[in-house]
C-alpha atoms as a PDB file:
ATOM      1  CA  MET A   1      27.364  25.140   5.371  1.00  0.00           C
ATOM      2  CA  GLU A   2      27.242  22.192   2.989  1.00  0.00           C
ATOM      3  CA  SER A   3      26.157  22.561  -0.602  1.00  0.00           C
ATOM      4  CA  TYR A   4      23.069  20.848  -1.946  1.00  0.00           C
ATOM      5  CA  GLU A   5      25.187  18.281  -3.798  1.00  0.00           C
ATOM      6  CA  GLU A   6      27.113  17.408  -0.628  1.00  0.00           C
ATOM      7  CA  LEU A   7      23.910  17.042   1.386  1.00  0.00           C
ATOM      8  CA  LEU A   8      22.369  14.887  -1.333  1.00  0.00           C
ATOM      9  CA  ASN A   9      25.428  12.631  -1.516  1.00  0.00           C
ATOM     10  CA  ARG A  10      25.457  12.254   2.275  1.00  0.00           C
ATOM     11  CA  ALA A  11      21.742  11.388   2.293  1.00  0.00           C
ATOM     12  CA  TYR A  12      22.195   8.712  -0.391  1.00  0.00           C
ATOM     13  CA  LYS A  13      25.132   7.269   1.547  1.00  0.00           C
ATOM     14  CA  ASP A  14      23.169   7.113   4.822  1.00  0.00           C
ATOM     15  CA  VAL A  15      19.968   5.594   3.392  1.00  0.00           C
ATOM     16  CA  LYS A  16      19.734   1.839   3.785  1.00  0.00           C
ATOM     17  CA  ILE A  17      18.840  -0.086   0.650  1.00  0.00           C
ATOM     18  CA  ILE A  18      15.980  -2.525   1.194  1.00  0.00           C
ATOM     19  CA  GLU A  19      16.039  -5.535  -1.072  1.00  0.00           C
ATOM     20  CA  GLY A  20      12.609  -6.649  -2.243  1.00  0.00           C
ATOM     21  CA  THR A  21      11.557 -10.225  -2.774  1.00  0.00           C
ATOM     22  CA  GLY A  22      10.612  -9.513  -6.358  1.00  0.00           C
ATOM     23  CA  GLU A  23       7.035 -10.602  -5.754  1.00  0.00           C
ATOM     24  CA  ARG A  24       4.297  -8.488  -7.207  1.00  0.00           C
ATOM     25  CA  PHE A  25       1.777  -7.241  -4.683  1.00  0.00           C
ATOM     26  CA  GLU A  26      -1.680  -7.814  -6.131  1.00  0.00           C
ATOM     27  CA  ILE A  27      -4.960  -6.773  -4.616  1.00  0.00           C
ATOM     28  CA  PRO A  28      -7.950  -8.996  -5.418  1.00  0.00           C
ATOM     29  CA  LYS A  29     -10.357  -7.609  -7.986  1.00  0.00           C
ATOM     30  CA  VAL A  30     -13.227  -5.808  -6.288  1.00  0.00           C
ATOM     31  CA  GLU A  31     -16.487  -7.729  -6.418  1.00  0.00           C
ATOM     32  CA  GLY A  32     -19.720  -6.051  -5.476  1.00  0.00           C
ATOM     33  CA  MET A  33     -23.449  -5.987  -5.772  1.00  0.00           C
ATOM     34  CA  PHE A  34     -26.121  -3.324  -5.679  1.00  0.00           C
ATOM     35  CA  ILE A  35     -28.564  -3.249  -2.788  1.00  0.00           C
ATOM     36  CA  GLY A  36     -31.093  -0.549  -3.549  1.00  0.00           C
ATOM     37  CA  LYS A  37     -29.139   2.694  -3.946  1.00  0.00           C
ATOM     38  CA  LYS A  38     -26.058   1.328  -2.188  1.00  0.00           C
ATOM     39  CA  THR A  39     -23.143  -0.778  -3.383  1.00  0.00           C
ATOM     40  CA  ALA A  40     -21.861  -3.620  -1.204  1.00  0.00           C
ATOM     41  CA  LEU A  41     -18.456  -5.219  -1.674  1.00  0.00           C
ATOM     42  CA  THR A  42     -18.772  -8.977  -1.484  1.00  0.00           C
ATOM     43  CA  ASN A  43     -15.044  -9.575  -1.000  1.00  0.00           C
ATOM     44  CA  PHE A  44     -14.382  -6.678   1.394  1.00  0.00           C
ATOM     45  CA  PHE A  45     -12.759  -8.832   4.086  1.00  0.00           C
ATOM     46  CA  GLN A  46     -10.489 -10.539   1.556  1.00  0.00           C
ATOM     47  CA  ILE A  47      -9.229  -7.159   0.318  1.00  0.00           C
ATOM     48  CA  ALA A  48      -8.686  -5.849   3.865  1.00  0.00           C
ATOM     49  CA  SER A  49      -6.803  -9.035   4.754  1.00  0.00           C
ATOM     50  CA  LYS A  50      -4.566  -8.797   1.679  1.00  0.00           C
ATOM     51  CA  LEU A  51      -3.726  -5.182   2.584  1.00  0.00           C
ATOM     52  CA  ARG A  52      -3.052  -6.309   6.181  1.00  0.00           C
ATOM     53  CA  ARG A  53      -5.479  -3.769   7.597  1.00  0.00           C
ATOM     54  CA  ASP A  54      -8.275  -4.053  10.113  1.00  0.00           C
ATOM     55  CA  LYS A  55     -11.702  -3.771   8.512  1.00  0.00           C
ATOM     56  CA  ASP A  56     -12.427  -0.734  10.705  1.00  0.00           C
ATOM     57  CA  HIS A  57      -9.568   1.089   8.983  1.00  0.00           C
ATOM     58  CA  PHE A  58     -11.697   1.304   5.835  1.00  0.00           C
ATOM     59  CA  LEU A  59     -15.061   2.052   7.438  1.00  0.00           C
END
């Protein structure tokens, strides 16, 4: 049976390093308005698009 250190070293060796582009991922600032007792996001679709998610994912 391998020791913890050996397993850890093997895991680090087997993991692929992914190089990032260096760009900062920024989500648009949330904009909203009050409608009675509820809050509506006016830029909901823009945020969902930036996160690359379907709008139904958030509802």
